[in-house]
Amino acid sequence: MQTKRAGRPPSFDREIALREAARLFWRHGFSGTSTRVLSSALGISSSSLYAAFGTKADLFEEAIRTYALRYSAIYDSAVAEPTVERVIERLLMDSVTEFTRSTEGHPGCLTGSAVMADTSATLNVRKYVADLQDADEARLGARLQRAVVEGDLAATTNVTVLTELVQTLWQGLSARADLGASREELLGVASLALTLLGPTRTKIQ
């Protein structure tokens, strides 16, 4: 007689499970998402959940870090672009796509989610996200400063102000996504912002 081995079911997909867990945390926060609810949504037993992710706090942290780093990955791609126009375009357009992937199983925009107010004792989400955003902003600022040196931006450009402007646009798009704005609406806003910035690129003081 064979004894069944405890663990994940054969059909278990870690990425899908993590995405579903993130969606629940985004919506209900840490304390509002029970292990029972997680197990049911993921289609696995509690013991399988613990075997795959550790504690609920471990799963929460992995979900937050995984999705928060997706935003930073957009900055990685953007600052690698050859021109200022392409840097800002890539940053805003790709971010809109990331913010509005809820219909594709994405949990939504992290900065406006329930986890910002209700978090585990082991991860200060607000500080973690703020630190990531500070690092992303610093990389953007360094890239814009390089554009000044290379002559892609006017020598009189106030890089600090321009960086803050782009970050303010980014934050605004994030907030609008959280309020339910569609991808098409936000892409339109980003496109207009790029159009308005384009003619003044070499005149930003």
N, C-alpha and C. Protein backbone atom coordinates (compact mmCIF):
# COMPACT_ATOMS: atom_id res chain seq x y z
N MET A 1 0.85 -1.19 0.00
CA MET A 1 0.00 0.00 0.00
C MET A 1 0.89 1.25 0.00
N GLN A 2 0.67 2.10 -0.99
CA GLN A 2 1.49 3.31 -1.11
C GLN A 2 0.90 4.45 -0.30
N THR A 3 1.77 5.21 0.32
CA THR A 3 1.33 6.38 1.09
C THR A 3 1.45 7.61 0.23
N LYS A 4 0.39 8.42 0.17
CA LYS A 4 0.41 9.64 -0.63
C LYS A 4 1.40 10.64 -0.06
N ARG A 5 2.14 11.23 -0.92
CA ARG A 5 3.16 12.20 -0.50
C ARG A 5 2.54 13.59 -0.43
N ALA A 6 2.70 14.22 0.71
CA ALA A 6 2.14 15.57 0.87
C ALA A 6 2.93 16.56 0.03
N GLY A 7 2.25 17.56 -0.45
CA GLY A 7 2.94 18.60 -1.24
C GLY A 7 1.99 19.23 -2.22
N ARG A 8 2.56 19.93 -3.20
CA ARG A 8 1.74 20.64 -4.17
C ARG A 8 1.11 19.67 -5.16
N PRO A 9 -0.09 20.00 -5.64
CA PRO A 9 -0.71 19.16 -6.66
C PRO A 9 0.07 19.24 -7.96
N PRO A 10 -0.03 18.21 -8.83
CA PRO A 10 0.74 18.20 -10.07
C PRO A 10 0.51 19.42 -10.96
N SER A 11 -0.70 19.99 -10.89
CA SER A 11 -1.05 21.11 -11.77
C SER A 11 -0.64 22.46 -11.20
N PHE A 12 0.01 22.46 -10.05
CA PHE A 12 0.36 23.71 -9.38
C PHE A 12 1.30 24.54 -10.25
N ASP A 13 0.95 25.79 -10.44
CA ASP A 13 1.78 26.74 -11.18
C ASP A 13 2.12 27.87 -10.22
N ARG A 14 3.38 27.97 -9.84
CA ARG A 14 3.78 28.94 -8.81
C ARG A 14 3.48 30.37 -9.22
N GLU A 15 3.74 30.70 -10.49
CA GLU A 15 3.53 32.07 -10.94
C GLU A 15 2.06 32.45 -10.88
N ILE A 16 1.19 31.54 -11.32
CA ILE A 16 -0.25 31.81 -11.27
C ILE A 16 -0.72 31.92 -9.82
N ALA A 17 -0.21 31.03 -8.98
CA ALA A 17 -0.58 31.06 -7.56
C ALA A 17 -0.15 32.36 -6.91
N LEU A 18 1.06 32.81 -7.23
CA LEU A 18 1.57 34.06 -6.66
C LEU A 18 0.74 35.24 -7.13
N ARG A 19 0.34 35.22 -8.39
CA ARG A 19 -0.47 36.29 -8.95
C ARG A 19 -1.84 36.35 -8.28
N GLU A 20 -2.44 35.18 -8.04
CA GLU A 20 -3.75 35.14 -7.38
C GLU A 20 -3.64 35.61 -5.93
N ALA A 21 -2.58 35.19 -5.25
CA ALA A 21 -2.36 35.63 -3.88
C ALA A 21 -2.18 37.15 -3.83
N ALA A 22 -1.40 37.68 -4.77
CA ALA A 22 -1.18 39.12 -4.82
C ALA A 22 -2.50 39.86 -5.02
N ARG A 23 -3.35 39.33 -5.89
CA ARG A 23 -4.65 39.98 -6.16
C ARG A 23 -5.47 40.07 -4.87
N LEU A 24 -5.45 39.02 -4.08
CA LEU A 24 -6.20 39.02 -2.82
C LEU A 24 -5.60 40.00 -1.82
N PHE A 25 -4.28 40.00 -1.69
CA PHE A 25 -3.63 40.94 -0.78
C PHE A 25 -3.88 42.38 -1.21
N TRP A 26 -3.80 42.64 -2.54
CA TRP A 26 -4.03 43.99 -3.06
C TRP A 26 -5.42 44.46 -2.65
N ARG A 27 -6.38 43.56 -2.73
CA ARG A 27 -7.78 43.93 -2.49
C ARG A 27 -8.12 44.02 -1.00
N HIS A 28 -7.63 43.07 -0.21
CA HIS A 28 -8.08 42.97 1.18
C HIS A 28 -7.01 43.28 2.22
N GLY A 29 -5.79 43.51 1.79
CA GLY A 29 -4.72 43.74 2.74
C GLY A 29 -4.23 42.43 3.34
N PHE A 30 -3.25 42.52 4.22
CA PHE A 30 -2.64 41.33 4.80
C PHE A 30 -3.58 40.64 5.79
N SER A 31 -4.04 41.39 6.78
CA SER A 31 -4.87 40.77 7.82
C SER A 31 -6.24 40.35 7.28
N GLY A 32 -6.69 41.01 6.22
CA GLY A 32 -8.00 40.68 5.65
C GLY A 32 -7.98 39.49 4.71
N THR A 33 -6.81 38.92 4.49
CA THR A 33 -6.69 37.75 3.61
C THR A 33 -6.24 36.56 4.44
N SER A 34 -7.16 35.67 4.73
CA SER A 34 -6.85 34.52 5.58
C SER A 34 -6.15 33.42 4.81
N THR A 35 -5.48 32.55 5.54
CA THR A 35 -4.84 31.40 4.91
C THR A 35 -5.88 30.50 4.25
N ARG A 36 -7.04 30.39 4.86
CA ARG A 36 -8.12 29.58 4.27
C ARG A 36 -8.56 30.14 2.93
N VAL A 37 -8.70 31.46 2.86
CA VAL A 37 -9.09 32.10 1.60
C VAL A 37 -8.00 31.92 0.55
N LEU A 38 -6.76 32.07 0.96
CA LEU A 38 -5.64 31.88 0.03
C LEU A 38 -5.61 30.46 -0.52
N SER A 39 -5.75 29.49 0.37
CA SER A 39 -5.72 28.09 -0.05
C SER A 39 -6.84 27.79 -1.03
N SER A 40 -8.03 28.31 -0.73
CA SER A 40 -9.17 28.08 -1.62
C SER A 40 -8.94 28.71 -2.98
N ALA A 41 -8.46 29.95 -3.00
CA ALA A 41 -8.25 30.66 -4.26
C ALA A 41 -7.15 30.01 -5.09
N LEU A 42 -6.13 29.48 -4.41
CA LEU A 42 -5.01 28.86 -5.12
C LEU A 42 -5.28 27.41 -5.49
N GLY A 43 -6.36 26.85 -4.93
CA GLY A 43 -6.71 25.48 -5.25
C GLY A 43 -5.78 24.46 -4.64
N ILE A 44 -5.20 24.79 -3.49
CA ILE A 44 -4.30 23.87 -2.81
C ILE A 44 -4.65 23.83 -1.32
N SER A 45 -4.18 22.82 -0.64
CA SER A 45 -4.42 22.71 0.79
C SER A 45 -3.52 23.68 1.55
N SER A 46 -3.86 23.90 2.80
CA SER A 46 -3.03 24.78 3.63
C SER A 46 -1.61 24.24 3.75
N SER A 47 -1.50 22.93 3.89
CA SER A 47 -0.17 22.33 4.01
C SER A 47 0.63 22.52 2.74
N SER A 48 -0.03 22.43 1.58
CA SER A 48 0.65 22.66 0.31
C SER A 48 1.08 24.11 0.17
N LEU A 49 0.22 25.02 0.66
CA LEU A 49 0.55 26.44 0.61
C LEU A 49 1.81 26.71 1.45
N TYR A 50 1.86 26.13 2.65
CA TYR A 50 3.02 26.32 3.51
C TYR A 50 4.27 25.71 2.88
N ALA A 51 4.10 24.56 2.23
CA ALA A 51 5.23 23.89 1.59
C ALA A 51 5.78 24.72 0.44
N ALA A 52 4.89 25.40 -0.27
CA ALA A 52 5.30 26.18 -1.45
C ALA A 52 5.87 27.54 -1.08
N PHE A 53 5.28 28.21 -0.08
CA PHE A 53 5.63 29.60 0.18
C PHE A 53 6.10 29.88 1.60
N GLY A 54 5.95 28.93 2.49
CA GLY A 54 6.27 29.21 3.89
C GLY A 54 5.04 29.75 4.60
N THR A 55 5.19 30.72 5.46
CA THR A 55 4.06 31.31 6.17
C THR A 55 3.28 32.27 5.29
N LYS A 56 2.14 32.72 5.79
CA LYS A 56 1.37 33.71 5.05
C LYS A 56 2.19 34.99 4.87
N ALA A 57 2.96 35.33 5.88
CA ALA A 57 3.81 36.52 5.79
C ALA A 57 4.87 36.35 4.70
N ASP A 58 5.41 35.14 4.57
CA ASP A 58 6.39 34.88 3.52
C ASP A 58 5.77 35.04 2.13
N LEU A 59 4.56 34.52 1.97
CA LEU A 59 3.85 34.64 0.69
C LEU A 59 3.55 36.10 0.39
N PHE A 60 3.12 36.83 1.42
CA PHE A 60 2.81 38.25 1.26
C PHE A 60 4.04 39.01 0.78
N GLU A 61 5.17 38.79 1.43
CA GLU A 61 6.40 39.50 1.06
C GLU A 61 6.84 39.16 -0.36
N GLU A 62 6.73 37.90 -0.73
CA GLU A 62 7.14 37.51 -2.08
C GLU A 62 6.25 38.18 -3.12
N ALA A 63 4.95 38.23 -2.83
CA ALA A 63 4.02 38.86 -3.77
C ALA A 63 4.32 40.35 -3.91
N ILE A 64 4.52 41.04 -2.79
CA ILE A 64 4.79 42.47 -2.83
C ILE A 64 6.09 42.76 -3.57
N ARG A 65 7.15 42.05 -3.21
CA ARG A 65 8.45 42.30 -3.83
C ARG A 65 8.42 41.97 -5.32
N THR A 66 7.76 40.89 -5.68
CA THR A 66 7.70 40.49 -7.09
C THR A 66 7.03 41.56 -7.94
N TYR A 67 5.89 42.05 -7.48
CA TYR A 67 5.16 43.01 -8.29
C TYR A 67 5.72 44.43 -8.19
N ALA A 68 6.26 44.80 -7.03
CA ALA A 68 6.87 46.12 -6.91
C ALA A 68 8.08 46.23 -7.83
N LEU A 69 8.84 45.16 -7.94
CA LEU A 69 10.04 45.17 -8.78
C LEU A 69 9.71 45.24 -10.26
N ARG A 70 8.47 44.93 -10.61
CA ARG A 70 8.06 45.08 -12.02
C ARG A 70 8.11 46.55 -12.42
N TYR A 71 7.78 47.45 -11.49
CA TYR A 71 7.85 48.88 -11.79
C TYR A 71 9.30 49.30 -12.01
N SER A 72 10.18 48.81 -11.15
CA SER A 72 11.59 49.15 -11.30
C SER A 72 12.15 48.62 -12.61
N ALA A 73 11.66 47.47 -13.05
CA ALA A 73 12.12 46.90 -14.31
C ALA A 73 11.78 47.82 -15.48
N ILE A 74 10.66 48.54 -15.37
CA ILE A 74 10.28 49.49 -16.41
C ILE A 74 11.30 50.63 -16.48
N TYR A 75 11.74 51.09 -15.31
CA TYR A 75 12.78 52.13 -15.28
C TYR A 75 14.07 51.61 -15.89
N ASP A 76 14.41 50.36 -15.62
CA ASP A 76 15.62 49.75 -16.20
C ASP A 76 15.59 49.86 -17.71
N SER A 77 14.44 49.49 -18.29
CA SER A 77 14.31 49.52 -19.74
C SER A 77 14.29 50.95 -20.27
N ALA A 78 13.61 51.84 -19.54
CA ALA A 78 13.46 53.22 -20.01
C ALA A 78 14.80 53.96 -20.06
N VAL A 79 15.59 53.87 -18.99
CA VAL A 79 16.84 54.64 -18.95
C VAL A 79 17.87 54.10 -19.94
N ALA A 80 17.61 52.92 -20.49
CA ALA A 80 18.53 52.36 -21.48
C ALA A 80 18.25 52.88 -22.89
N GLU A 81 17.14 53.62 -23.05
CA GLU A 81 16.79 54.16 -24.36
C GLU A 81 17.79 55.25 -24.78
N PRO A 82 17.98 55.45 -26.09
CA PRO A 82 19.04 56.35 -26.57
C PRO A 82 18.74 57.84 -26.49
N THR A 83 17.46 58.22 -26.39
CA THR A 83 17.12 59.65 -26.37
C THR A 83 16.18 59.95 -25.22
N VAL A 84 16.12 61.22 -24.83
CA VAL A 84 15.23 61.64 -23.75
C VAL A 84 13.78 61.35 -24.10
N GLU A 85 13.40 61.65 -25.34
CA GLU A 85 12.02 61.37 -25.74
C GLU A 85 11.66 59.91 -25.52
N ARG A 86 12.56 59.03 -25.93
CA ARG A 86 12.30 57.60 -25.80
C ARG A 86 12.32 57.17 -24.34
N VAL A 87 13.19 57.77 -23.53
CA VAL A 87 13.24 57.44 -22.11
C VAL A 87 11.90 57.72 -21.45
N ILE A 88 11.39 58.93 -21.64
CA ILE A 88 10.14 59.33 -20.99
C ILE A 88 8.95 58.58 -21.59
N GLU A 89 8.96 58.41 -22.91
CA GLU A 89 7.87 57.68 -23.55
C GLU A 89 7.81 56.24 -23.04
N ARG A 90 8.93 55.59 -23.00
CA ARG A 90 8.96 54.20 -22.53
C ARG A 90 8.50 54.10 -21.09
N LEU A 91 8.95 55.02 -20.27
CA LEU A 91 8.60 55.00 -18.85
C LEU A 91 7.09 55.16 -18.65
N LEU A 92 6.51 56.18 -19.29
CA LEU A 92 5.08 56.45 -19.09
C LEU A 92 4.19 55.40 -19.75
N MET A 93 4.48 55.05 -20.97
CA MET A 93 3.62 54.12 -21.70
C MET A 93 3.67 52.71 -21.09
N ASP A 94 4.87 52.25 -20.79
CA ASP A 94 4.99 50.92 -20.20
C ASP A 94 4.38 50.87 -18.81
N SER A 95 4.48 51.97 -18.08
CA SER A 95 3.89 52.01 -16.74
C SER A 95 2.37 51.95 -16.82
N VAL A 96 1.79 52.65 -17.77
CA VAL A 96 0.33 52.60 -17.95
C VAL A 96 -0.11 51.16 -18.21
N THR A 97 0.62 50.49 -19.08
CA THR A 97 0.28 49.09 -19.37
C THR A 97 0.35 48.24 -18.11
N GLU A 98 1.38 48.48 -17.30
CA GLU A 98 1.53 47.70 -16.06
C GLU A 98 0.43 48.04 -15.06
N PHE A 99 0.08 49.31 -14.96
CA PHE A 99 -0.95 49.73 -14.00
C PHE A 99 -2.32 49.17 -14.34
N THR A 100 -2.57 48.86 -15.60
CA THR A 100 -3.93 48.52 -16.05
C THR A 100 -4.04 47.09 -16.56
N ARG A 101 -3.32 46.20 -15.92
CA ARG A 101 -3.36 44.80 -16.33
C ARG A 101 -4.32 43.97 -15.49
N SER A 102 -5.27 44.61 -14.82
CA SER A 102 -6.19 43.88 -13.93
C SER A 102 -7.04 42.86 -14.69
N THR A 103 -7.38 43.16 -15.94
CA THR A 103 -8.19 42.21 -16.73
C THR A 103 -7.36 41.02 -17.19
N GLU A 104 -6.05 41.09 -17.00
CA GLU A 104 -5.17 39.99 -17.41
C GLU A 104 -4.68 39.21 -16.19
N GLY A 105 -5.35 39.39 -15.07
CA GLY A 105 -4.96 38.68 -13.87
C GLY A 105 -3.97 39.42 -13.00
N HIS A 106 -3.58 40.61 -13.42
CA HIS A 106 -2.65 41.41 -12.62
C HIS A 106 -3.43 42.03 -11.47
N PRO A 107 -2.84 42.12 -10.27
CA PRO A 107 -3.57 42.65 -9.12
C PRO A 107 -3.88 44.14 -9.19
N GLY A 108 -3.25 44.87 -10.07
CA GLY A 108 -3.52 46.30 -10.17
C GLY A 108 -2.33 47.14 -9.78
N CYS A 109 -2.61 48.36 -9.36
CA CYS A 109 -1.53 49.29 -9.01
C CYS A 109 -1.20 49.17 -7.53
N LEU A 110 0.02 48.83 -7.22
CA LEU A 110 0.44 48.60 -5.84
C LEU A 110 0.29 49.84 -4.98
N THR A 111 0.65 51.01 -5.51
CA THR A 111 0.70 52.22 -4.68
C THR A 111 -0.67 52.66 -4.17
N GLY A 112 -1.73 52.18 -4.78
CA GLY A 112 -3.06 52.56 -4.31
C GLY A 112 -3.82 51.39 -3.71
N SER A 113 -3.12 50.30 -3.40
CA SER A 113 -3.80 49.09 -2.94
C SER A 113 -3.93 49.05 -1.42
N ALA A 114 -4.72 48.07 -0.97
CA ALA A 114 -4.97 47.91 0.46
C ALA A 114 -3.70 47.58 1.24
N VAL A 115 -2.72 46.96 0.59
CA VAL A 115 -1.52 46.56 1.32
C VAL A 115 -0.71 47.75 1.79
N MET A 116 -0.94 48.92 1.23
CA MET A 116 -0.21 50.09 1.67
C MET A 116 -0.62 50.50 3.09
N ALA A 117 -1.84 50.11 3.48
CA ALA A 117 -2.32 50.47 4.81
C ALA A 117 -2.34 49.27 5.76
N ASP A 118 -2.46 48.07 5.19
CA ASP A 118 -2.56 46.87 6.01
C ASP A 118 -1.48 45.89 5.58
N THR A 119 -0.42 45.80 6.36
CA THR A 119 0.74 45.01 5.97
C THR A 119 1.13 44.04 7.07
N SER A 120 2.04 43.14 6.77
CA SER A 120 2.51 42.20 7.78
C SER A 120 3.50 42.89 8.71
N ALA A 121 3.78 42.24 9.81
CA ALA A 121 4.71 42.83 10.79
C ALA A 121 6.15 42.75 10.30
N THR A 122 6.40 41.94 9.30
CA THR A 122 7.78 41.73 8.85
C THR A 122 8.17 42.58 7.64
N LEU A 123 7.20 43.24 7.02
CA LEU A 123 7.52 44.07 5.86
C LEU A 123 6.74 45.38 5.92
N ASN A 124 7.46 46.50 6.01
CA ASN A 124 6.86 47.82 5.96
C ASN A 124 6.71 48.18 4.48
N VAL A 125 5.52 47.94 3.94
CA VAL A 125 5.31 48.11 2.50
C VAL A 125 5.53 49.55 2.08
N ARG A 126 5.02 50.49 2.85
CA ARG A 126 5.19 51.91 2.49
C ARG A 126 6.67 52.27 2.35
N LYS A 127 7.47 51.84 3.31
CA LYS A 127 8.90 52.16 3.25
C LYS A 127 9.57 51.42 2.09
N TYR A 128 9.20 50.16 1.91
CA TYR A 128 9.80 49.37 0.83
C TYR A 128 9.52 50.01 -0.52
N VAL A 129 8.25 50.37 -0.75
CA VAL A 129 7.87 51.00 -2.02
C VAL A 129 8.51 52.37 -2.16
N ALA A 130 8.53 53.14 -1.07
CA ALA A 130 9.14 54.48 -1.12
C ALA A 130 10.63 54.39 -1.46
N ASP A 131 11.31 53.41 -0.86
CA ASP A 131 12.74 53.24 -1.15
C ASP A 131 12.97 52.86 -2.61
N LEU A 132 12.11 51.99 -3.14
CA LEU A 132 12.22 51.62 -4.55
C LEU A 132 11.99 52.82 -5.46
N GLN A 133 10.98 53.61 -5.13
CA GLN A 133 10.66 54.78 -5.94
C GLN A 133 11.78 55.81 -5.88
N ASP A 134 12.38 55.96 -4.71
CA ASP A 134 13.52 56.89 -4.59
C ASP A 134 14.68 56.43 -5.47
N ALA A 135 14.92 55.12 -5.47
CA ALA A 135 16.00 54.58 -6.29
C ALA A 135 15.69 54.75 -7.78
N ASP A 136 14.44 54.51 -8.15
CA ASP A 136 14.03 54.67 -9.55
C ASP A 136 14.16 56.13 -9.98
N GLU A 137 13.73 57.04 -9.11
CA GLU A 137 13.83 58.46 -9.42
C GLU A 137 15.29 58.88 -9.58
N ALA A 138 16.15 58.35 -8.74
CA ALA A 138 17.58 58.68 -8.83
C ALA A 138 18.16 58.20 -10.16
N ARG A 139 17.75 57.02 -10.60
CA ARG A 139 18.25 56.51 -11.88
C ARG A 139 17.75 57.36 -13.04
N LEU A 140 16.49 57.79 -12.96
CA LEU A 140 15.95 58.65 -13.99
C LEU A 140 16.69 59.98 -14.02
N GLY A 141 16.93 60.54 -12.83
CA GLY A 141 17.65 61.81 -12.76
C GLY A 141 19.05 61.70 -13.33
N ALA A 142 19.72 60.59 -13.04
CA ALA A 142 21.07 60.39 -13.57
C ALA A 142 21.05 60.28 -15.09
N ARG A 143 20.02 59.64 -15.60
CA ARG A 143 19.90 59.50 -17.07
C ARG A 143 19.64 60.85 -17.73
N LEU A 144 18.82 61.68 -17.11
CA LEU A 144 18.54 63.00 -17.66
C LEU A 144 19.78 63.89 -17.56
N GLN A 145 20.53 63.74 -16.50
CA GLN A 145 21.77 64.51 -16.36
C GLN A 145 22.76 64.11 -17.45
N ARG A 146 22.79 62.83 -17.77
CA ARG A 146 23.65 62.37 -18.86
C ARG A 146 23.22 62.97 -20.19
N ALA A 147 21.90 63.14 -20.34
CA ALA A 147 21.38 63.74 -21.57
C ALA A 147 21.85 65.18 -21.72
N VAL A 148 21.99 65.88 -20.60
CA VAL A 148 22.52 67.25 -20.63
C VAL A 148 23.97 67.23 -21.10
N VAL A 149 24.74 66.34 -20.53
CA VAL A 149 26.17 66.22 -20.88
C VAL A 149 26.33 65.88 -22.36
N GLU A 150 25.44 65.02 -22.87
CA GLU A 150 25.54 64.58 -24.26
C GLU A 150 24.90 65.55 -25.24
N GLY A 151 24.25 66.59 -24.72
CA GLY A 151 23.63 67.58 -25.60
C GLY A 151 22.22 67.23 -26.04
N ASP A 152 21.65 66.17 -25.48
CA ASP A 152 20.27 65.80 -25.83
C ASP A 152 19.27 66.68 -25.08
N LEU A 153 19.71 67.30 -24.01
CA LEU A 153 18.94 68.31 -23.29
C LEU A 153 19.79 69.58 -23.21
N ALA A 154 19.13 70.72 -23.17
CA ALA A 154 19.85 71.99 -23.09
C ALA A 154 20.69 72.05 -21.82
N ALA A 155 21.82 72.72 -21.90
CA ALA A 155 22.74 72.83 -20.76
C ALA A 155 22.08 73.54 -19.58
N THR A 156 21.07 74.37 -19.86
CA THR A 156 20.38 75.11 -18.80
C THR A 156 19.24 74.31 -18.16
N THR A 157 19.04 73.08 -18.59
CA THR A 157 17.94 72.27 -18.06
C THR A 157 18.09 72.04 -16.56
N ASN A 158 17.02 72.27 -15.84
CA ASN A 158 16.99 71.95 -14.41
C ASN A 158 16.58 70.48 -14.30
N VAL A 159 17.56 69.62 -14.18
CA VAL A 159 17.31 68.18 -14.19
C VAL A 159 16.43 67.75 -13.02
N THR A 160 16.62 68.38 -11.88
CA THR A 160 15.82 68.03 -10.70
C THR A 160 14.34 68.28 -10.95
N VAL A 161 14.04 69.44 -11.52
CA VAL A 161 12.64 69.80 -11.79
C VAL A 161 12.05 68.88 -12.88
N LEU A 162 12.83 68.61 -13.91
CA LEU A 162 12.34 67.74 -14.98
C LEU A 162 12.07 66.34 -14.46
N THR A 163 12.96 65.84 -13.62
CA THR A 163 12.76 64.52 -13.02
C THR A 163 11.51 64.50 -12.17
N GLU A 164 11.31 65.54 -11.38
CA GLU A 164 10.11 65.64 -10.54
C GLU A 164 8.84 65.69 -11.40
N LEU A 165 8.92 66.38 -12.52
CA LEU A 165 7.77 66.47 -13.42
C LEU A 165 7.40 65.08 -13.94
N VAL A 166 8.39 64.35 -14.41
CA VAL A 166 8.12 63.00 -14.93
C VAL A 166 7.58 62.10 -13.83
N GLN A 167 8.16 62.20 -12.64
CA GLN A 167 7.69 61.38 -11.52
C GLN A 167 6.27 61.75 -11.11
N THR A 168 5.95 63.04 -11.20
CA THR A 168 4.59 63.48 -10.87
C THR A 168 3.60 62.92 -11.88
N LEU A 169 3.97 62.91 -13.15
CA LEU A 169 3.13 62.30 -14.17
C LEU A 169 2.94 60.81 -13.88
N TRP A 170 4.02 60.14 -13.51
CA TRP A 170 3.97 58.71 -13.21
C TRP A 170 3.01 58.45 -12.05
N GLN A 171 3.15 59.26 -10.99
CA GLN A 171 2.29 59.09 -9.82
C GLN A 171 0.83 59.37 -10.17
N GLY A 172 0.61 60.38 -10.99
CA GLY A 172 -0.76 60.70 -11.40
C GLY A 172 -1.40 59.59 -12.20
N LEU A 173 -0.67 59.00 -13.10
CA LEU A 173 -1.18 57.88 -13.90
C LEU A 173 -1.49 56.70 -12.99
N SER A 174 -0.62 56.48 -12.01
CA SER A 174 -0.84 55.39 -11.05
C SER A 174 -2.13 55.62 -10.27
N ALA A 175 -2.31 56.85 -9.78
CA ALA A 175 -3.50 57.18 -8.99
C ALA A 175 -4.77 57.05 -9.83
N ARG A 176 -4.72 57.52 -11.07
CA ARG A 176 -5.89 57.43 -11.94
C ARG A 176 -6.23 55.98 -12.25
N ALA A 177 -5.21 55.15 -12.41
CA ALA A 177 -5.45 53.72 -12.65
C ALA A 177 -6.17 53.11 -11.46
N ASP A 178 -5.75 53.50 -10.26
CA ASP A 178 -6.37 52.98 -9.05
C ASP A 178 -7.83 53.41 -8.94
N LEU A 179 -8.15 54.57 -9.50
CA LEU A 179 -9.52 55.08 -9.46
C LEU A 179 -10.39 54.49 -10.57
N GLY A 180 -9.78 53.65 -11.42
CA GLY A 180 -10.57 52.96 -12.42
C GLY A 180 -10.44 53.45 -13.84
N ALA A 181 -9.53 54.38 -14.11
CA ALA A 181 -9.34 54.86 -15.48
C ALA A 181 -8.88 53.70 -16.36
N SER A 182 -9.35 53.66 -17.59
CA SER A 182 -9.00 52.58 -18.50
C SER A 182 -7.61 52.77 -19.08
N ARG A 183 -7.09 51.71 -19.66
CA ARG A 183 -5.79 51.79 -20.31
C ARG A 183 -5.81 52.81 -21.43
N GLU A 184 -6.88 52.81 -22.22
CA GLU A 184 -6.99 53.74 -23.34
C GLU A 184 -6.98 55.18 -22.86
N GLU A 185 -7.69 55.45 -21.78
CA GLU A 185 -7.73 56.81 -21.23
C GLU A 185 -6.35 57.25 -20.77
N LEU A 186 -5.66 56.38 -20.06
CA LEU A 186 -4.36 56.74 -19.52
C LEU A 186 -3.29 56.84 -20.60
N LEU A 187 -3.39 56.00 -21.61
CA LEU A 187 -2.45 56.11 -22.73
C LEU A 187 -2.66 57.44 -23.45
N GLY A 188 -3.92 57.89 -23.52
CA GLY A 188 -4.20 59.19 -24.12
C GLY A 188 -3.59 60.32 -23.33
N VAL A 189 -3.68 60.24 -22.00
CA VAL A 189 -3.08 61.26 -21.13
C VAL A 189 -1.56 61.27 -21.29
N ALA A 190 -0.97 60.08 -21.28
CA ALA A 190 0.49 59.98 -21.42
C ALA A 190 0.94 60.51 -22.77
N SER A 191 0.18 60.20 -23.80
CA SER A 191 0.51 60.66 -25.15
C SER A 191 0.47 62.18 -25.23
N LEU A 192 -0.55 62.79 -24.62
CA LEU A 192 -0.65 64.25 -24.62
C LEU A 192 0.52 64.86 -23.85
N ALA A 193 0.86 64.27 -22.72
CA ALA A 193 1.99 64.77 -21.93
C ALA A 193 3.27 64.74 -22.75
N LEU A 194 3.46 63.67 -23.49
CA LEU A 194 4.67 63.56 -24.32
C LEU A 194 4.67 64.59 -25.43
N THR A 195 3.49 64.85 -25.99
CA THR A 195 3.37 65.86 -27.04
C THR A 195 3.70 67.24 -26.50
N LEU A 196 3.21 67.54 -25.31
CA LEU A 196 3.47 68.85 -24.70
C LEU A 196 4.93 69.01 -24.31
N LEU A 197 5.55 67.93 -23.88
CA LEU A 197 6.96 67.99 -23.50
C LEU A 197 7.88 68.07 -24.71
N GLY A 198 7.49 67.44 -25.80
CA GLY A 198 8.36 67.35 -26.97
C GLY A 198 8.89 68.68 -27.49
N PRO A 199 8.00 69.63 -27.83
CA PRO A 199 8.48 70.91 -28.39
C PRO A 199 9.33 71.72 -27.43
N THR A 200 9.21 71.45 -26.13
CA THR A 200 9.96 72.26 -25.15
C THR A 200 11.19 71.52 -24.63
N ARG A 201 11.52 70.41 -25.24
CA ARG A 201 12.60 69.57 -24.72
C ARG A 201 13.90 70.34 -24.53
N THR A 202 14.25 71.17 -25.50
CA THR A 202 15.53 71.89 -25.41
C THR A 202 15.39 73.25 -24.73
N LYS A 203 14.17 73.52 -24.17
CA LYS A 203 13.94 74.83 -23.56
C LYS A 203 13.63 74.72 -22.08
N ILE A 204 13.67 73.49 -21.53
CA ILE A 204 13.33 73.34 -20.12
C ILE A 204 14.43 73.95 -19.26
N GLN A 205 14.07 74.90 -18.44
CA GLN A 205 15.06 75.63 -17.64
C GLN A 205 15.09 75.09 -16.22
